[in-house]
Every structure is written in C-alpha cells, then in structure tokens.
Amino acid sequence: MFSSISSLYSQMPVANLSSGLPARQLKMPADILNASLGGWGAKSPLYDNHWSRTQGRRPPNPLYPLSSVGRWVGFEHAGFQGQQYVLERGEYPSWDAWSGNTSYPAERLTSFRPVACANHRDSRLTIFEQENFLGRKGELSDDYPSLQAMGWDGNEVGSFHVHSGAWVCSQFPGYRGFQYVLECDHHSGDYKHFREWGSHAQTFQVQSIRRIQQ
C-alpha cells in the first residue's frame, strides 16, 4: 500500500549503425548488449555507450536477436525516439520477446542506451496526481501491477519524482501498453509533465509501475 495518498538525449554520444561500431570503448563490463544486425550481416557488442542508427533509412530487416548483460532501454526510432522497451538480463530472440505484453509492439529497435542507475533493492518513487508535482501524492518502493488496486484513485499520474533507482511505467494494468522509463539521473529525477516521459507519450495515463531489475 502507498505510504501516503495525497532534450537530454540529443546531447548523448551516438554511433553510426551502418558501420556496426560502438561509440566508445568498453567502460562498464557489467553492461553489455550483443546485437545481431539483420541486413548488415554483422554482430556487434554494445558496451556502456549509446548506439543509434542515424542515416535516415530503415534497416531492411528487424534488429535481432539481442542478448543483454545489464540493463538497457531500446527505442523504436533513431536518436532515442519513439516507443521504449526495457532490456534486462536475458535473451531476446525476436521482436515479440522485447515487446512482451505491450499493446503496441515494434518489430525493430534502432537506438539503445544503458540504464546506469537501476537499483532493484533501493528504488523510491513519488507519484503526483497533477503535473508540476501538485495534488495528491503516493510514495512507491515496490512493484505495482495495478495502481488502482493499491489505492490510487484514477488511471492517470500527472508527474513523478524519482528519488533513487530506475522505473518503468505502463499505460495499462499488468505492465501493458506504452512504457515510459524514469531514472533518478535524468532530469534530476523530476518528470513534471508527460512530455518529459518520452517522445511517444501523449497522455497522463499510467496504471502500473515496476522497478527495473539490477
């Protein structure tokens, strides 16, 4: 139960996917994403860097399989735009593996970045009823497959403050629908309006929230 109920990406280093080369060398061995690049006939390890296809033309085949050691967020479009998909430790042999039970699957991912602040054991998030941290609020430190079942009134969240860790919020109960990744080291942990949740966000609707696995 709640304890109380009351243009960053554009500056990130980018690599050209047509070459299959990472933007910079290995920095954090714990975070590795191996990608088999359909259409280029290449296999590339992605380390602690940011990877984006920026040539403007779509790859001829989907970008998979993927295997992740660490935590990453993959984006539907280049430049960290479009739908977001969390890639935690494991194998992703095809697009439906990373799409999971989302209502809006994407058959290819074309940019990636690591989630450096994920801390499953020490994650804390405050949700607010209205934008700009106004209205009723609730503090979370666990996974909530249904906010309403846990006492939140309504199907919308106006703003977030991430105290620690990294979280993924979903449009519908059961972690379905559009996903929005929130991190304590982005925006200083402050997400005042849905426009700051991601380029694909068009509504305040959020009905389930979970911590990103460490």
N, C-alpha and C. Protein backbone atom coordinates (compact mmCIF):
# COMPACT_ATOMS: atom_id res chain seq x y z
N MET A 1 0.85 -1.18 0.00
CA MET A 1 0.00 0.00 0.00
C MET A 1 0.89 1.24 0.00
N PHE A 2 0.43 2.33 -0.60
CA PHE A 2 1.22 3.55 -0.62
C PHE A 2 1.46 4.03 0.79
N SER A 3 2.65 4.60 1.04
CA SER A 3 2.92 5.16 2.36
C SER A 3 2.12 6.43 2.58
N SER A 4 1.71 7.13 1.51
CA SER A 4 0.81 8.28 1.64
C SER A 4 0.04 8.39 0.35
N ILE A 5 -1.19 8.79 0.40
CA ILE A 5 -2.00 9.06 -0.78
C ILE A 5 -2.40 10.52 -0.73
N SER A 6 -2.17 11.32 -1.06
CA SER A 6 -2.48 12.72 -1.07
C SER A 6 -2.38 13.23 -2.58
N SER A 7 15.40 17.83 -23.59
CA SER A 7 16.07 17.45 -24.83
C SER A 7 17.48 16.95 -24.60
N LEU A 8 17.36 15.99 -23.33
CA LEU A 8 18.61 15.40 -22.84
C LEU A 8 19.30 14.45 -23.83
N TYR A 9 18.50 13.56 -24.51
CA TYR A 9 19.09 12.53 -25.37
C TYR A 9 19.87 13.09 -26.56
N SER A 10 19.50 14.28 -26.98
CA SER A 10 20.19 14.83 -28.14
C SER A 10 21.65 15.15 -27.85
N GLN A 11 22.04 15.21 -26.58
CA GLN A 11 23.41 15.53 -26.21
C GLN A 11 24.26 14.28 -25.99
N MET A 12 23.66 13.09 -26.14
CA MET A 12 24.39 11.86 -25.88
C MET A 12 25.27 11.48 -27.07
N PRO A 13 26.42 10.84 -26.83
CA PRO A 13 27.24 10.35 -27.94
C PRO A 13 26.50 9.29 -28.73
N VAL A 14 26.67 9.31 -30.04
CA VAL A 14 25.92 8.43 -30.93
C VAL A 14 26.88 7.73 -31.86
N ALA A 15 26.62 6.46 -32.16
CA ALA A 15 27.42 5.72 -33.14
C ALA A 15 26.60 5.46 -34.37
N ASN A 16 27.28 5.31 -35.49
CA ASN A 16 26.63 5.05 -36.77
C ASN A 16 26.42 3.55 -36.92
N LEU A 17 25.16 3.11 -36.97
CA LEU A 17 24.88 1.68 -37.03
C LEU A 17 25.29 1.05 -38.35
N SER A 18 25.45 1.84 -39.39
CA SER A 18 25.83 1.25 -40.66
C SER A 18 27.22 0.65 -40.59
N SER A 19 28.04 1.12 -39.68
CA SER A 19 29.38 0.56 -39.51
C SER A 19 29.40 -0.56 -38.47
N GLY A 20 28.35 -0.63 -37.62
CA GLY A 20 28.32 -1.65 -36.58
C GLY A 20 29.35 -1.42 -35.49
N LEU A 21 29.85 -0.19 -35.33
CA LEU A 21 30.88 0.09 -34.36
C LEU A 21 30.31 0.84 -33.17
N PRO A 22 30.77 0.52 -31.95
CA PRO A 22 30.30 1.25 -30.78
C PRO A 22 30.86 2.66 -30.76
N ALA A 23 30.16 3.54 -30.02
CA ALA A 23 30.57 4.94 -29.97
C ALA A 23 31.89 5.12 -29.23
N ARG A 24 32.12 4.32 -28.18
CA ARG A 24 33.40 4.38 -27.50
C ARG A 24 33.67 3.03 -26.87
N GLN A 25 34.87 2.84 -26.39
CA GLN A 25 35.28 1.53 -25.92
C GLN A 25 34.61 1.15 -24.60
N LEU A 26 34.80 -0.10 -24.23
CA LEU A 26 34.22 -0.65 -23.03
C LEU A 26 34.53 0.21 -21.83
N LYS A 27 33.49 0.53 -21.07
CA LYS A 27 33.66 1.31 -19.86
C LYS A 27 33.13 0.57 -18.64
N MET A 28 31.98 -0.12 -18.80
CA MET A 28 31.39 -0.87 -17.71
C MET A 28 31.14 -2.30 -18.20
N PRO A 29 32.03 -3.25 -17.90
CA PRO A 29 31.87 -4.61 -18.40
C PRO A 29 30.56 -5.25 -17.97
N ALA A 30 29.92 -4.76 -16.90
CA ALA A 30 28.68 -5.37 -16.44
C ALA A 30 27.52 -5.09 -17.38
N ASP A 31 27.64 -4.07 -18.23
CA ASP A 31 26.56 -3.70 -19.12
C ASP A 31 26.96 -3.96 -20.57
N ILE A 32 26.55 -5.10 -21.10
CA ILE A 32 26.89 -5.46 -22.47
C ILE A 32 25.62 -5.91 -23.18
N LEU A 33 25.42 -5.40 -24.37
CA LEU A 33 24.30 -5.81 -25.20
C LEU A 33 24.85 -6.33 -26.51
N ASN A 34 24.63 -7.61 -26.80
CA ASN A 34 25.09 -8.19 -28.06
C ASN A 34 23.95 -8.15 -29.07
N ALA A 35 24.23 -7.59 -30.22
CA ALA A 35 23.20 -7.44 -31.24
C ALA A 35 23.64 -8.09 -32.53
N SER A 36 22.76 -8.89 -33.13
CA SER A 36 22.97 -9.40 -34.47
C SER A 36 22.20 -8.50 -35.42
N LEU A 37 22.89 -7.81 -36.29
CA LEU A 37 22.28 -6.77 -37.08
C LEU A 37 21.73 -7.34 -38.38
N GLY A 38 20.43 -7.60 -38.42
CA GLY A 38 19.80 -8.11 -39.63
C GLY A 38 19.97 -7.12 -40.76
N GLY A 39 20.36 -7.60 -41.92
CA GLY A 39 20.53 -6.72 -43.07
C GLY A 39 21.94 -6.25 -43.26
N TRP A 40 22.77 -6.25 -42.19
CA TRP A 40 24.17 -5.84 -42.34
C TRP A 40 25.11 -7.04 -42.27
N GLY A 41 24.59 -8.18 -41.81
CA GLY A 41 25.42 -9.36 -41.70
C GLY A 41 26.53 -9.20 -40.68
N ALA A 42 26.31 -8.41 -39.63
CA ALA A 42 27.33 -8.14 -38.62
C ALA A 42 26.78 -8.48 -37.25
N LYS A 43 27.69 -8.74 -36.34
CA LYS A 43 27.32 -8.95 -34.95
C LYS A 43 28.20 -8.04 -34.12
N SER A 44 27.58 -7.21 -33.28
CA SER A 44 28.32 -6.18 -32.57
C SER A 44 28.00 -6.19 -31.09
N PRO A 45 29.03 -6.17 -30.22
CA PRO A 45 28.76 -5.97 -28.80
C PRO A 45 28.61 -4.48 -28.51
N LEU A 46 27.57 -4.12 -27.78
CA LEU A 46 27.38 -2.74 -27.36
C LEU A 46 27.76 -2.67 -25.89
N TYR A 47 28.62 -1.74 -25.56
CA TYR A 47 29.09 -1.65 -24.20
C TYR A 47 28.37 -0.51 -23.49
N ASP A 48 29.05 0.14 -22.56
CA ASP A 48 28.43 1.23 -21.84
C ASP A 48 28.48 2.49 -22.71
N ASN A 49 27.69 2.49 -23.78
CA ASN A 49 27.64 3.65 -24.65
C ASN A 49 26.23 3.78 -25.20
N HIS A 50 26.07 4.68 -26.13
CA HIS A 50 24.76 4.97 -26.68
C HIS A 50 24.84 4.71 -28.18
N TRP A 51 23.91 3.97 -28.71
CA TRP A 51 24.00 3.46 -30.07
C TRP A 51 22.75 3.87 -30.82
N SER A 52 22.91 4.50 -31.97
CA SER A 52 21.74 4.94 -32.71
C SER A 52 22.01 4.91 -34.20
N ARG A 53 21.05 4.41 -34.95
CA ARG A 53 21.15 4.46 -36.41
C ARG A 53 20.65 5.82 -36.86
N THR A 54 21.51 6.60 -37.46
CA THR A 54 21.18 7.99 -37.76
C THR A 54 21.18 8.29 -39.26
N GLN A 55 21.21 7.27 -40.10
CA GLN A 55 21.31 7.50 -41.54
C GLN A 55 19.99 7.89 -42.19
N GLY A 56 18.88 7.75 -41.46
CA GLY A 56 17.60 8.16 -42.01
C GLY A 56 16.86 7.08 -42.75
N ARG A 57 17.53 6.00 -43.21
CA ARG A 57 16.81 4.92 -43.86
C ARG A 57 16.68 3.74 -42.89
N ARG A 58 15.56 3.08 -42.95
CA ARG A 58 15.30 1.99 -42.03
C ARG A 58 16.09 0.75 -42.44
N PRO A 59 16.50 -0.06 -41.48
CA PRO A 59 17.20 -1.30 -41.83
C PRO A 59 16.27 -2.23 -42.60
N PRO A 60 16.79 -3.00 -43.55
CA PRO A 60 15.93 -3.86 -44.36
C PRO A 60 15.31 -5.00 -43.59
N ASN A 61 15.91 -5.40 -42.48
CA ASN A 61 15.37 -6.48 -41.67
C ASN A 61 15.33 -6.03 -40.21
N PRO A 62 14.49 -6.67 -39.38
CA PRO A 62 14.47 -6.30 -37.96
C PRO A 62 15.82 -6.50 -37.30
N LEU A 63 16.02 -5.78 -36.21
CA LEU A 63 17.29 -5.80 -35.48
C LEU A 63 17.18 -6.79 -34.33
N TYR A 64 17.53 -8.06 -34.58
CA TYR A 64 17.55 -9.08 -33.55
C TYR A 64 18.31 -10.27 -34.10
N PRO A 65 18.74 -11.26 -33.30
CA PRO A 65 18.46 -11.37 -31.87
C PRO A 65 19.35 -10.46 -31.02
N LEU A 66 18.92 -10.26 -29.79
CA LEU A 66 19.67 -9.48 -28.81
C LEU A 66 19.88 -10.33 -27.57
N SER A 67 21.01 -10.13 -26.90
CA SER A 67 21.22 -10.71 -25.58
C SER A 67 21.82 -9.63 -24.70
N SER A 68 21.28 -9.51 -23.49
CA SER A 68 21.65 -8.41 -22.62
C SER A 68 22.29 -8.91 -21.34
N VAL A 69 23.41 -8.32 -20.97
CA VAL A 69 24.02 -8.48 -19.65
C VAL A 69 24.04 -7.08 -19.06
N GLY A 70 23.06 -6.79 -18.23
CA GLY A 70 22.90 -5.44 -17.72
C GLY A 70 21.51 -4.93 -18.04
N ARG A 71 21.34 -3.62 -17.99
CA ARG A 71 20.04 -3.02 -18.21
C ARG A 71 20.15 -1.98 -19.32
N TRP A 72 19.28 -2.08 -20.32
CA TRP A 72 19.28 -1.17 -21.45
C TRP A 72 17.86 -0.75 -21.75
N VAL A 73 17.73 0.37 -22.43
CA VAL A 73 16.44 0.75 -22.99
C VAL A 73 16.64 0.88 -24.50
N GLY A 74 15.79 0.18 -25.25
CA GLY A 74 15.82 0.24 -26.71
C GLY A 74 14.69 1.11 -27.22
N PHE A 75 14.96 1.82 -28.30
CA PHE A 75 13.98 2.76 -28.86
C PHE A 75 13.58 2.32 -30.26
N GLU A 76 12.35 2.60 -30.58
CA GLU A 76 11.80 2.23 -31.87
C GLU A 76 12.49 2.97 -33.02
N HIS A 77 12.88 4.22 -32.80
CA HIS A 77 13.45 5.04 -33.85
C HIS A 77 14.86 5.51 -33.47
N ALA A 78 15.60 5.99 -34.44
CA ALA A 78 16.93 6.53 -34.19
C ALA A 78 16.83 7.79 -33.34
N GLY A 79 17.96 8.14 -32.71
CA GLY A 79 18.00 9.35 -31.90
C GLY A 79 17.22 9.24 -30.62
N PHE A 80 16.99 7.98 -30.13
CA PHE A 80 16.29 7.74 -28.87
C PHE A 80 14.88 8.28 -28.90
N GLN A 81 14.19 8.02 -30.01
CA GLN A 81 12.82 8.48 -30.22
C GLN A 81 11.88 7.28 -30.37
N GLY A 82 10.60 7.55 -30.17
CA GLY A 82 9.59 6.52 -30.34
C GLY A 82 9.41 5.66 -29.10
N GLN A 83 8.76 4.53 -29.27
CA GLN A 83 8.46 3.66 -28.14
C GLN A 83 9.73 3.17 -27.45
N GLN A 84 9.60 2.93 -26.14
CA GLN A 84 10.71 2.49 -25.31
C GLN A 84 10.47 1.05 -24.85
N TYR A 85 11.54 0.25 -24.84
CA TYR A 85 11.46 -1.14 -24.39
C TYR A 85 12.65 -1.43 -23.48
N VAL A 86 12.35 -1.89 -22.28
CA VAL A 86 13.40 -2.21 -21.31
C VAL A 86 13.97 -3.58 -21.61
N LEU A 87 15.30 -3.66 -21.74
CA LEU A 87 16.01 -4.91 -21.96
C LEU A 87 16.83 -5.22 -20.70
N GLU A 88 16.36 -6.17 -19.92
CA GLU A 88 17.08 -6.60 -18.73
C GLU A 88 17.88 -7.85 -19.07
N ARG A 89 18.54 -8.43 -18.09
CA ARG A 89 19.40 -9.57 -18.35
C ARG A 89 18.60 -10.69 -18.99
N GLY A 90 19.08 -11.21 -20.13
CA GLY A 90 18.40 -12.31 -20.78
C GLY A 90 18.53 -12.28 -22.28
N GLU A 91 17.79 -13.17 -22.94
CA GLU A 91 17.84 -13.34 -24.38
C GLU A 91 16.57 -12.79 -25.01
N TYR A 92 16.73 -12.16 -26.17
CA TYR A 92 15.61 -11.60 -26.92
C TYR A 92 15.72 -12.10 -28.37
N PRO A 93 15.25 -13.32 -28.64
CA PRO A 93 15.48 -13.92 -29.95
C PRO A 93 14.66 -13.29 -31.07
N SER A 94 13.59 -12.58 -30.74
CA SER A 94 12.76 -11.95 -31.77
C SER A 94 12.03 -10.76 -31.17
N TRP A 95 11.39 -9.99 -32.02
CA TRP A 95 10.79 -8.73 -31.59
C TRP A 95 9.70 -8.93 -30.54
N ASP A 96 8.98 -10.05 -30.56
CA ASP A 96 7.91 -10.22 -29.59
C ASP A 96 8.46 -10.47 -28.18
N ALA A 97 9.75 -10.85 -28.07
CA ALA A 97 10.35 -11.05 -26.75
C ALA A 97 10.56 -9.73 -26.04
N TRP A 98 11.00 -8.69 -26.75
CA TRP A 98 11.18 -7.40 -26.07
C TRP A 98 9.86 -6.64 -25.99
N SER A 99 8.93 -6.88 -26.92
CA SER A 99 7.65 -6.20 -26.85
C SER A 99 6.82 -6.72 -25.69
N GLY A 100 7.03 -7.98 -25.31
CA GLY A 100 6.34 -8.55 -24.16
C GLY A 100 4.83 -8.44 -24.30
N ASN A 101 4.18 -7.95 -23.25
CA ASN A 101 2.73 -7.84 -23.32
C ASN A 101 2.28 -6.42 -23.60
N THR A 102 3.15 -5.63 -24.21
CA THR A 102 2.72 -4.29 -24.60
C THR A 102 1.68 -4.37 -25.71
N SER A 103 0.79 -3.41 -25.72
CA SER A 103 -0.28 -3.40 -26.73
C SER A 103 0.18 -2.83 -28.06
N TYR A 104 1.40 -2.29 -28.09
CA TYR A 104 1.89 -1.63 -29.30
C TYR A 104 3.28 -2.15 -29.64
N PRO A 105 3.39 -3.34 -30.23
CA PRO A 105 4.71 -3.92 -30.48
C PRO A 105 5.48 -3.18 -31.58
N ALA A 106 6.80 -3.21 -31.47
CA ALA A 106 7.69 -2.67 -32.50
C ALA A 106 8.55 -3.81 -33.01
N GLU A 107 8.65 -3.95 -34.31
CA GLU A 107 9.38 -5.06 -34.90
C GLU A 107 10.87 -4.80 -35.01
N ARG A 108 11.33 -3.59 -34.75
CA ARG A 108 12.76 -3.29 -34.80
C ARG A 108 13.07 -2.20 -33.79
N LEU A 109 14.29 -2.28 -33.27
CA LEU A 109 14.82 -1.24 -32.39
C LEU A 109 16.03 -0.64 -33.08
N THR A 110 16.15 0.67 -33.10
CA THR A 110 17.23 1.29 -33.87
C THR A 110 18.11 2.22 -33.04
N SER A 111 17.86 2.35 -31.75
CA SER A 111 18.81 3.06 -30.88
C SER A 111 18.71 2.51 -29.47
N PHE A 112 19.82 2.57 -28.75
CA PHE A 112 19.91 1.96 -27.42
C PHE A 112 20.74 2.86 -26.51
N ARG A 113 20.45 2.77 -25.22
CA ARG A 113 21.32 3.38 -24.21
C ARG A 113 21.21 2.57 -22.92
N PRO A 114 22.27 2.55 -22.11
CA PRO A 114 22.22 1.79 -20.86
C PRO A 114 21.42 2.53 -19.79
N VAL A 115 20.88 1.76 -18.84
CA VAL A 115 20.21 2.32 -17.66
C VAL A 115 21.18 2.14 -16.51
N ALA A 116 21.94 3.18 -16.22
CA ALA A 116 23.05 3.06 -15.27
C ALA A 116 22.60 3.07 -13.82
N CYS A 117 21.45 3.68 -13.52
CA CYS A 117 21.07 3.90 -12.13
C CYS A 117 20.12 2.84 -11.59
N ALA A 118 19.85 1.77 -12.33
CA ALA A 118 18.93 0.74 -11.86
C ALA A 118 19.43 0.14 -10.55
N ASN A 119 18.56 0.07 -9.56
CA ASN A 119 18.90 -0.49 -8.25
C ASN A 119 17.63 -1.09 -7.68
N HIS A 120 17.42 -2.37 -7.96
CA HIS A 120 16.16 -3.02 -7.61
C HIS A 120 15.91 -3.02 -6.11
N ARG A 121 16.96 -3.08 -5.32
CA ARG A 121 16.80 -3.16 -3.87
C ARG A 121 16.59 -1.80 -3.22
N ASP A 122 17.02 -0.75 -3.86
CA ASP A 122 16.90 0.58 -3.28
C ASP A 122 16.33 1.52 -4.33
N SER A 123 15.02 1.42 -4.54
CA SER A 123 14.34 2.27 -5.52
C SER A 123 13.18 2.96 -4.82
N ARG A 124 13.06 4.26 -5.05
CA ARG A 124 11.98 5.02 -4.42
C ARG A 124 11.46 6.06 -5.40
N LEU A 125 10.15 6.15 -5.49
CA LEU A 125 9.50 7.00 -6.48
C LEU A 125 8.27 7.65 -5.84
N THR A 126 8.08 8.95 -6.09
CA THR A 126 6.87 9.64 -5.66
C THR A 126 6.05 10.00 -6.89
N ILE A 127 4.78 9.63 -6.88
CA ILE A 127 3.87 9.97 -7.97
C ILE A 127 2.91 11.06 -7.49
N PHE A 128 2.53 11.93 -8.42
CA PHE A 128 1.66 13.05 -8.09
C PHE A 128 0.43 13.03 -8.98
N GLU A 129 -0.67 13.49 -8.43
CA GLU A 129 -1.94 13.48 -9.15
C GLU A 129 -1.91 14.40 -10.36
N GLN A 130 -1.23 15.55 -10.25
CA GLN A 130 -1.24 16.56 -11.30
C GLN A 130 0.18 16.85 -11.77
N GLU A 131 0.28 17.51 -12.90
CA GLU A 131 1.59 17.93 -13.39
C GLU A 131 2.21 18.93 -12.43
N ASN A 132 3.55 19.10 -12.57
CA ASN A 132 4.31 20.05 -11.73
C ASN A 132 4.23 19.71 -10.25
N PHE A 133 4.10 18.42 -9.93
CA PHE A 133 4.17 17.92 -8.55
C PHE A 133 3.05 18.48 -7.66
N LEU A 134 1.86 18.59 -8.21
CA LEU A 134 0.71 19.11 -7.48
C LEU A 134 -0.30 18.00 -7.20
N GLY A 135 -1.19 18.26 -6.26
CA GLY A 135 -2.26 17.33 -5.93
C GLY A 135 -1.81 16.21 -5.00
N ARG A 136 -2.66 15.20 -4.92
CA ARG A 136 -2.35 14.05 -4.06
C ARG A 136 -1.06 13.38 -4.51
N LYS A 137 -0.41 12.70 -3.60
CA LYS A 137 0.83 12.01 -3.95
C LYS A 137 0.90 10.66 -3.27
N GLY A 138 1.72 9.80 -3.80
CA GLY A 138 1.96 8.50 -3.22
C GLY A 138 3.41 8.10 -3.40
N GLU A 139 3.98 7.47 -2.39
CA GLU A 139 5.38 7.05 -2.46
C GLU A 139 5.47 5.55 -2.69
N LEU A 140 6.29 5.14 -3.65
CA LEU A 140 6.43 3.74 -4.04
C LEU A 140 7.86 3.27 -3.81
N SER A 141 7.98 2.03 -3.36
CA SER A 141 9.30 1.39 -3.26
C SER A 141 9.21 -0.08 -3.67
N ASP A 142 8.14 -0.43 -4.36
CA ASP A 142 7.92 -1.81 -4.77
C ASP A 142 7.25 -1.81 -6.15
N ASP A 143 6.97 -2.98 -6.69
CA ASP A 143 6.30 -3.11 -7.98
C ASP A 143 4.79 -3.08 -7.78
N TYR A 144 4.10 -2.40 -8.69
CA TYR A 144 2.65 -2.26 -8.60
C TYR A 144 2.01 -2.62 -9.94
N PRO A 145 1.52 -3.86 -10.10
CA PRO A 145 0.88 -4.23 -11.35
C PRO A 145 -0.44 -3.50 -11.59
N SER A 146 -1.03 -2.94 -10.54
CA SER A 146 -2.24 -2.13 -10.67
C SER A 146 -2.23 -1.05 -9.61
N LEU A 147 -2.07 0.20 -10.02
CA LEU A 147 -2.07 1.30 -9.06
C LEU A 147 -3.43 1.44 -8.39
N GLN A 148 -4.48 1.25 -9.14
CA GLN A 148 -5.82 1.39 -8.58
C GLN A 148 -6.09 0.34 -7.51
N ALA A 149 -5.62 -0.88 -7.73
CA ALA A 149 -5.80 -1.94 -6.74
C ALA A 149 -5.05 -1.63 -5.45
N MET A 150 -4.00 -0.82 -5.55
CA MET A 150 -3.22 -0.46 -4.38
C MET A 150 -3.68 0.85 -3.74
N GLY A 151 -4.77 1.43 -4.25
CA GLY A 151 -5.33 2.59 -3.59
C GLY A 151 -5.23 3.90 -4.32
N TRP A 152 -4.65 3.90 -5.53
CA TRP A 152 -4.54 5.15 -6.29
C TRP A 152 -5.88 5.42 -6.99
N ASP A 153 -6.40 6.61 -6.84
CA ASP A 153 -7.70 6.96 -7.39
C ASP A 153 -7.53 7.51 -8.80
N GLY A 154 -8.04 6.80 -9.78
CA GLY A 154 -7.94 7.25 -11.17
C GLY A 154 -6.91 6.48 -11.95
N ASN A 155 -6.88 6.71 -13.27
CA ASN A 155 -5.96 5.99 -14.15
C ASN A 155 -4.87 6.88 -14.72
N GLU A 156 -4.64 8.03 -14.08
CA GLU A 156 -3.62 8.96 -14.56
C GLU A 156 -2.66 9.35 -13.44
N VAL A 157 -1.43 9.66 -13.85
CA VAL A 157 -0.41 10.22 -12.96
C VAL A 157 0.11 11.48 -13.64
N GLY A 158 0.10 12.60 -12.92
CA GLY A 158 0.46 13.87 -13.55
C GLY A 158 1.95 14.13 -13.62
N SER A 159 2.72 13.67 -12.61
CA SER A 159 4.16 13.92 -12.58
C SER A 159 4.82 12.93 -11.64
N PHE A 160 6.16 12.83 -11.77
CA PHE A 160 6.94 11.88 -10.99
C PHE A 160 8.19 12.57 -10.43
N HIS A 161 8.62 12.12 -9.26
CA HIS A 161 9.97 12.43 -8.78
C HIS A 161 10.64 11.12 -8.41
N VAL A 162 11.75 10.81 -9.09
CA VAL A 162 12.49 9.58 -8.84
C VAL A 162 13.59 9.89 -7.83
N HIS A 163 13.43 9.37 -6.62
CA HIS A 163 14.43 9.58 -5.57
C HIS A 163 15.66 8.69 -5.80
N SER A 164 15.42 7.45 -6.20
CA SER A 164 16.52 6.51 -6.42
C SER A 164 16.06 5.40 -7.35
N GLY A 165 17.03 4.82 -8.05
CA GLY A 165 16.74 3.71 -8.95
C GLY A 165 16.17 4.14 -10.28
N ALA A 166 15.67 3.16 -11.01
CA ALA A 166 15.06 3.37 -12.32
C ALA A 166 13.76 2.58 -12.37
N TRP A 167 12.76 3.15 -13.02
CA TRP A 167 11.42 2.59 -13.05
C TRP A 167 10.91 2.55 -14.47
N VAL A 168 9.97 1.63 -14.73
CA VAL A 168 9.25 1.63 -16.00
C VAL A 168 7.76 1.70 -15.68
N CYS A 169 7.10 2.71 -16.23
CA CYS A 169 5.67 2.92 -16.03
C CYS A 169 4.93 2.45 -17.27
N SER A 170 3.77 1.86 -17.08
CA SER A 170 2.99 1.33 -18.19
C SER A 170 1.61 1.96 -18.23
N GLN A 171 1.10 2.07 -19.43
CA GLN A 171 -0.17 2.75 -19.66
C GLN A 171 -1.36 2.02 -19.02
N PHE A 172 -1.32 0.68 -19.03
CA PHE A 172 -2.44 -0.11 -18.54
C PHE A 172 -1.99 -1.02 -17.39
N PRO A 173 -2.94 -1.58 -16.62
CA PRO A 173 -2.58 -2.54 -15.58
C PRO A 173 -1.86 -3.76 -16.17
N GLY A 174 -1.08 -4.42 -15.34
CA GLY A 174 -0.36 -5.61 -15.78
C GLY A 174 0.82 -5.30 -16.68
N TYR A 175 1.33 -4.07 -16.61
CA TYR A 175 2.51 -3.64 -17.39
C TYR A 175 2.26 -3.75 -18.89
N ARG A 176 1.06 -3.35 -19.32
CA ARG A 176 0.71 -3.38 -20.73
C ARG A 176 0.63 -1.95 -21.28
N GLY A 177 0.67 -1.85 -22.59
CA GLY A 177 0.56 -0.56 -23.25
C GLY A 177 1.91 0.14 -23.38
N PHE A 178 1.86 1.43 -23.67
CA PHE A 178 3.09 2.20 -23.81
C PHE A 178 3.89 2.15 -22.51
N GLN A 179 5.23 2.13 -22.64
CA GLN A 179 6.12 2.11 -21.50
C GLN A 179 6.93 3.40 -21.45
N TYR A 180 7.19 3.86 -20.23
CA TYR A 180 7.96 5.09 -20.03
C TYR A 180 9.03 4.81 -18.98
N VAL A 181 10.29 5.00 -19.34
CA VAL A 181 11.40 4.75 -18.42
C VAL A 181 11.73 6.03 -17.67
N LEU A 182 11.76 5.93 -16.35
CA LEU A 182 12.06 7.06 -15.48
C LEU A 182 13.30 6.73 -14.66
N GLU A 183 14.29 7.65 -14.62
CA GLU A 183 15.56 7.39 -13.96
C GLU A 183 15.94 8.55 -13.05
N CYS A 184 16.61 8.22 -11.94
CA CYS A 184 16.97 9.26 -10.98
C CYS A 184 18.07 10.16 -11.51
N ASP A 185 18.84 9.71 -12.50
CA ASP A 185 19.93 10.53 -13.02
C ASP A 185 19.57 11.22 -14.34
N HIS A 186 18.32 11.24 -14.72
CA HIS A 186 17.83 12.03 -15.85
C HIS A 186 16.86 13.08 -15.34
N HIS A 187 16.97 14.28 -15.85
CA HIS A 187 16.10 15.39 -15.43
C HIS A 187 16.21 15.62 -13.92
N SER A 188 17.31 15.22 -13.31
CA SER A 188 17.46 15.28 -11.85
C SER A 188 16.38 14.48 -11.14
N GLY A 189 15.83 13.50 -11.83
CA GLY A 189 14.77 12.68 -11.26
C GLY A 189 13.39 13.30 -11.36
N ASP A 190 13.27 14.49 -11.93
CA ASP A 190 11.99 15.21 -12.00
C ASP A 190 11.36 15.06 -13.38
N TYR A 191 10.13 14.59 -13.40
CA TYR A 191 9.34 14.47 -14.63
C TYR A 191 8.04 15.21 -14.40
N LYS A 192 8.02 16.48 -14.80
CA LYS A 192 6.93 17.39 -14.44
C LYS A 192 5.68 17.19 -15.28
N HIS A 193 5.83 16.63 -16.48
CA HIS A 193 4.72 16.54 -17.42
C HIS A 193 4.96 15.33 -18.33
N PHE A 194 3.88 14.78 -18.90
CA PHE A 194 4.07 13.60 -19.74
C PHE A 194 4.97 13.85 -20.93
N ARG A 195 5.13 15.11 -21.33
CA ARG A 195 6.04 15.41 -22.45
C ARG A 195 7.48 15.06 -22.13
N GLU A 196 7.81 14.92 -20.84
CA GLU A 196 9.17 14.56 -20.44
C GLU A 196 9.35 13.04 -20.27
N TRP A 197 8.31 12.27 -20.47
CA TRP A 197 8.41 10.83 -20.30
C TRP A 197 9.01 10.15 -21.53
N GLY A 198 8.87 10.77 -22.68
CA GLY A 198 9.37 10.19 -23.93
C GLY A 198 8.65 10.81 -25.10
N SER A 199 9.25 10.69 -26.27
CA SER A 199 8.68 11.33 -27.46
C SER A 199 7.35 10.71 -27.86
N HIS A 200 7.06 9.47 -27.40
CA HIS A 200 5.81 8.80 -27.77
C HIS A 200 4.69 9.06 -26.79
N ALA A 201 4.96 9.73 -25.67
CA ALA A 201 3.95 9.97 -24.65
C ALA A 201 2.95 11.01 -25.13
N GLN A 202 1.67 10.69 -25.02
CA GLN A 202 0.61 11.60 -25.45
C GLN A 202 -0.48 11.77 -24.41
N THR A 203 -0.35 11.13 -23.28
CA THR A 203 -1.39 11.16 -22.26
C THR A 203 -0.75 10.95 -20.89
N PHE A 204 -1.49 11.33 -19.84
CA PHE A 204 -1.04 11.11 -18.46
C PHE A 204 -1.39 9.71 -17.97
N GLN A 205 -1.97 8.88 -18.80
CA GLN A 205 -2.45 7.58 -18.36
C GLN A 205 -1.31 6.65 -17.97
N VAL A 206 -1.27 6.28 -16.70
CA VAL A 206 -0.31 5.32 -16.15
C VAL A 206 -1.04 4.49 -15.11
N GLN A 207 -1.05 3.17 -15.28
CA GLN A 207 -1.81 2.33 -14.35
C GLN A 207 -1.01 1.19 -13.73
N SER A 208 0.27 1.04 -14.10
CA SER A 208 1.13 0.06 -13.44
C SER A 208 2.57 0.56 -13.50
N ILE A 209 3.34 0.23 -12.49
CA ILE A 209 4.72 0.72 -12.35
C ILE A 209 5.56 -0.38 -11.72
N ARG A 210 6.78 -0.55 -12.23
CA ARG A 210 7.69 -1.51 -11.61
C ARG A 210 9.11 -0.99 -11.63
N ARG A 211 9.93 -1.56 -10.76
CA ARG A 211 11.35 -1.24 -10.72
C ARG A 211 12.09 -1.98 -11.84
N ILE A 212 13.10 -1.35 -12.43
CA ILE A 212 13.94 -2.04 -13.39
C ILE A 212 14.94 -2.90 -12.65
N GLN A 213 15.06 -4.15 -13.06
CA GLN A 213 15.93 -5.10 -12.37
C GLN A 213 17.37 -4.65 -12.45
N GLN A 214 18.10 -4.89 -11.37
CA GLN A 214 19.52 -4.50 -11.32
C GLN A 214 20.37 -5.53 -12.07
